[in-house]
């Protein structure tokens, strides 16, 4: 998938062409003052990205990394061992 780039002024002047290309599955990059500013997507591409965004579930590693850190300084609980049952 190739992304075409437009200056903001060209995108304004040729907005129909920008929209047509986006609807055809070719995202259109719009720059402002020489820097990327926005991307025009067709609704199908947008909906696909929204579905993917909702599918992201954190991995175990991500969840563990979010746990509060204590730098190893924690109190050890005084626990009695459970009685052995044979």
C-alpha atoms as a PDB file:
ATOM      1  CA  UNK A   1       0.000   0.000   0.000  1.00  0.00           C
ATOM      2  CA  UNK A   2       1.556   3.259  -1.092  1.00  0.00           C
ATOM      3  CA  UNK A   3       0.773   6.502   0.661  1.00  0.00           C
ATOM      4  CA  UNK A   4       0.646   9.615  -1.477  1.00  0.00           C
ATOM      5  CA  UNK A   5       1.756  12.925   0.030  1.00  0.00           C
ATOM      6  CA  UNK A   6       0.038  16.254  -0.489  1.00  0.00           C
ATOM      7  CA  UNK A   7       0.838  19.703   0.804  1.00  0.00           C
ATOM      8  CA  UNK A   8      -2.058  21.181   2.734  1.00  0.00           C
ATOM      9  CA  UNK A   9      -2.737  23.704  -0.019  1.00  0.00           C
ATOM     10  CA  UNK A  10      -2.725  21.017  -2.741  1.00  0.00           C
ATOM     11  CA  UNK A  11      -4.995  18.811  -0.619  1.00  0.00           C
ATOM     12  CA  UNK A  12      -7.434  21.722  -0.254  1.00  0.00           C
ATOM     13  CA  UNK A  13      -7.359  22.442  -3.974  1.00  0.00           C
ATOM     14  CA  UNK A  14      -7.766  18.793  -4.966  1.00  0.00           C
ATOM     15  CA  UNK A  15      -9.791  17.464  -2.059  1.00  0.00           C
ATOM     16  CA  UNK A  16     -11.965  15.301  -4.311  1.00  0.00           C
ATOM     17  CA  UNK A  17      -8.847  13.533  -5.630  1.00  0.00           C
ATOM     18  CA  UNK A  18      -7.563  13.041  -2.060  1.00  0.00           C
ATOM     19  CA  UNK A  19     -10.889  11.512  -1.008  1.00  0.00           C
ATOM     20  CA  UNK A  20     -11.162   9.322  -4.121  1.00  0.00           C
ATOM     21  CA  UNK A  21      -7.670   7.910  -3.576  1.00  0.00           C
ATOM     22  CA  UNK A  22      -8.376   7.260   0.112  1.00  0.00           C
ATOM     23  CA  UNK A  23     -11.640   5.515  -0.771  1.00  0.00           C
ATOM     24  CA  UNK A  24      -9.705   3.344  -3.229  1.00  0.00           C
ATOM     25  CA  UNK A  25      -7.591   2.055  -0.326  1.00  0.00           C
ATOM     26  CA  UNK A  26      -4.625   4.399  -0.737  1.00  0.00           C
ATOM     27  CA  UNK A  27      -4.085   6.476   2.435  1.00  0.00           C
ATOM     28  CA  UNK A  28      -3.268  10.105   1.664  1.00  0.00           C
ATOM     29  CA  UNK A  29      -0.657  11.925   3.746  1.00  0.00           C
ATOM     30  CA  UNK A  30      -1.150  15.672   4.125  1.00  0.00           C
ATOM     31  CA  UNK A  31       1.810  17.801   5.151  1.00  0.00           C
ATOM     32  CA  UNK A  32       1.817  21.211   6.757  1.00  0.00           C
ATOM     33  CA  UNK A  33       4.919  23.387   6.612  1.00  0.00           C
ATOM     34  CA  UNK A  34       6.836  20.409   5.277  1.00  0.00           C
ATOM     35  CA  UNK A  35       5.958  18.078   8.153  1.00  0.00           C
ATOM     36  CA  UNK A  36       3.397  15.244   8.206  1.00  0.00           C
ATOM     37  CA  UNK A  37       0.143  16.611   9.647  1.00  0.00           C
ATOM     38  CA  UNK A  38      -2.621  14.099   8.983  1.00  0.00           C
ATOM     39  CA  UNK A  39      -3.623  11.065   6.967  1.00  0.00           C
ATOM     40  CA  UNK A  40      -6.877  10.745   5.062  1.00  0.00           C
ATOM     41  CA  UNK A  41      -8.202   7.181   5.129  1.00  0.00           C
ATOM     42  CA  UNK A  42     -11.154   5.501   3.545  1.00  0.00           C
ATOM     43  CA  UNK A  43     -13.812   4.444   6.026  1.00  0.00           C
ATOM     44  CA  UNK A  44     -13.017   0.732   5.525  1.00  0.00           C
ATOM     45  CA  UNK A  45      -9.362   1.273   6.502  1.00  0.00           C
ATOM     46  CA  UNK A  46     -10.425   3.401   9.454  1.00  0.00           C
ATOM     47  CA  UNK A  47     -12.893   0.770  10.709  1.00  0.00           C
ATOM     48  CA  UNK A  48     -10.268  -1.975  10.343  1.00  0.00           C
ATOM     49  CA  UNK A  49      -7.830   0.042  12.453  1.00  0.00           C
ATOM     50  CA  UNK A  50     -10.510   0.670  15.076  1.00  0.00           C
ATOM     51  CA  UNK A  51     -11.236  -3.071  15.308  1.00  0.00           C
ATOM     52  CA  UNK A  52      -7.526  -3.833  15.708  1.00  0.00           C
ATOM     53  CA  UNK A  53      -7.258  -1.199  18.425  1.00  0.00           C
ATOM     54  CA  UNK A  54     -10.040  -2.888  20.401  1.00  0.00           C
ATOM     55  CA  UNK A  55      -8.430  -6.320  20.009  1.00  0.00           C
ATOM     56  CA  UNK A  56      -5.233  -5.327  21.780  1.00  0.00           C
ATOM     57  CA  UNK A  57      -5.086  -7.061  25.113  1.00  0.00           C
ATOM     58  CA  UNK A  58      -2.072  -6.503  27.346  1.00  0.00           C
ATOM     59  CA  UNK A  59       0.377  -9.380  27.541  1.00  0.00           C
ATOM     60  CA  UNK A  60       1.435 -10.905  30.853  1.00  0.00           C
ATOM     61  CA  UNK A  61       4.747  -9.055  30.557  1.00  0.00           C
ATOM     62  CA  UNK A  62       2.939  -5.712  30.040  1.00  0.00           C
ATOM     63  CA  UNK A  63       0.734  -6.383  33.067  1.00  0.00           C
ATOM     64  CA  UNK A  64       3.705  -7.355  35.228  1.00  0.00           C
ATOM     65  CA  UNK A  65       5.629  -4.265  34.182  1.00  0.00           C
ATOM     66  CA  UNK A  66       2.690  -2.114  35.291  1.00  0.00           C
ATOM     67  CA  UNK A  67       2.833  -3.469  38.847  1.00  0.00           C
ATOM     68  CA  UNK A  68       4.161  -0.992  41.420  1.00  0.00           C
ATOM     69  CA  UNK A  69       7.875  -1.347  42.121  1.00  0.00           C
ATOM     70  CA  UNK A  70       9.284  -1.442  45.657  1.00  0.00           C
ATOM     71  CA  UNK A  71      13.019  -1.663  44.835  1.00  0.00           C
ATOM     72  CA  UNK A  72      13.210  -4.975  46.712  1.00  0.00           C
ATOM     73  CA  UNK A  73      12.497  -3.343  50.077  1.00  0.00           C
ATOM     74  CA  UNK A  74       9.462  -5.119  51.409  1.00  0.00           C
ATOM     75  CA  UNK A  75       8.490  -6.728  54.657  1.00  0.00           C
ATOM     76  CA  UNK A  76       8.232 -10.470  54.688  1.00  0.00           C
ATOM     77  CA  UNK A  77       5.060 -11.774  56.292  1.00  0.00           C
ATOM     78  CA  UNK A  78       5.390 -13.972  59.371  1.00  0.00           C
ATOM     79  CA  UNK A  79       3.407 -17.059  58.399  1.00  0.00           C
ATOM     80  CA  UNK A  80       2.967 -20.367  60.162  1.00  0.00           C
ATOM     81  CA  UNK A  81       3.335 -23.470  57.975  1.00  0.00           C
ATOM     82  CA  UNK A  82       0.155 -25.437  57.408  1.00  0.00           C
ATOM     83  CA  UNK A  83      -0.097 -28.695  59.271  1.00  0.00           C
ATOM     84  CA  UNK A  84       0.890 -31.768  57.282  1.00  0.00           C
ATOM     85  CA  UNK A  85      -1.945 -34.117  56.448  1.00  0.00           C
ATOM     86  CA  UNK A  86      -1.100 -37.554  55.149  1.00  0.00           C
END
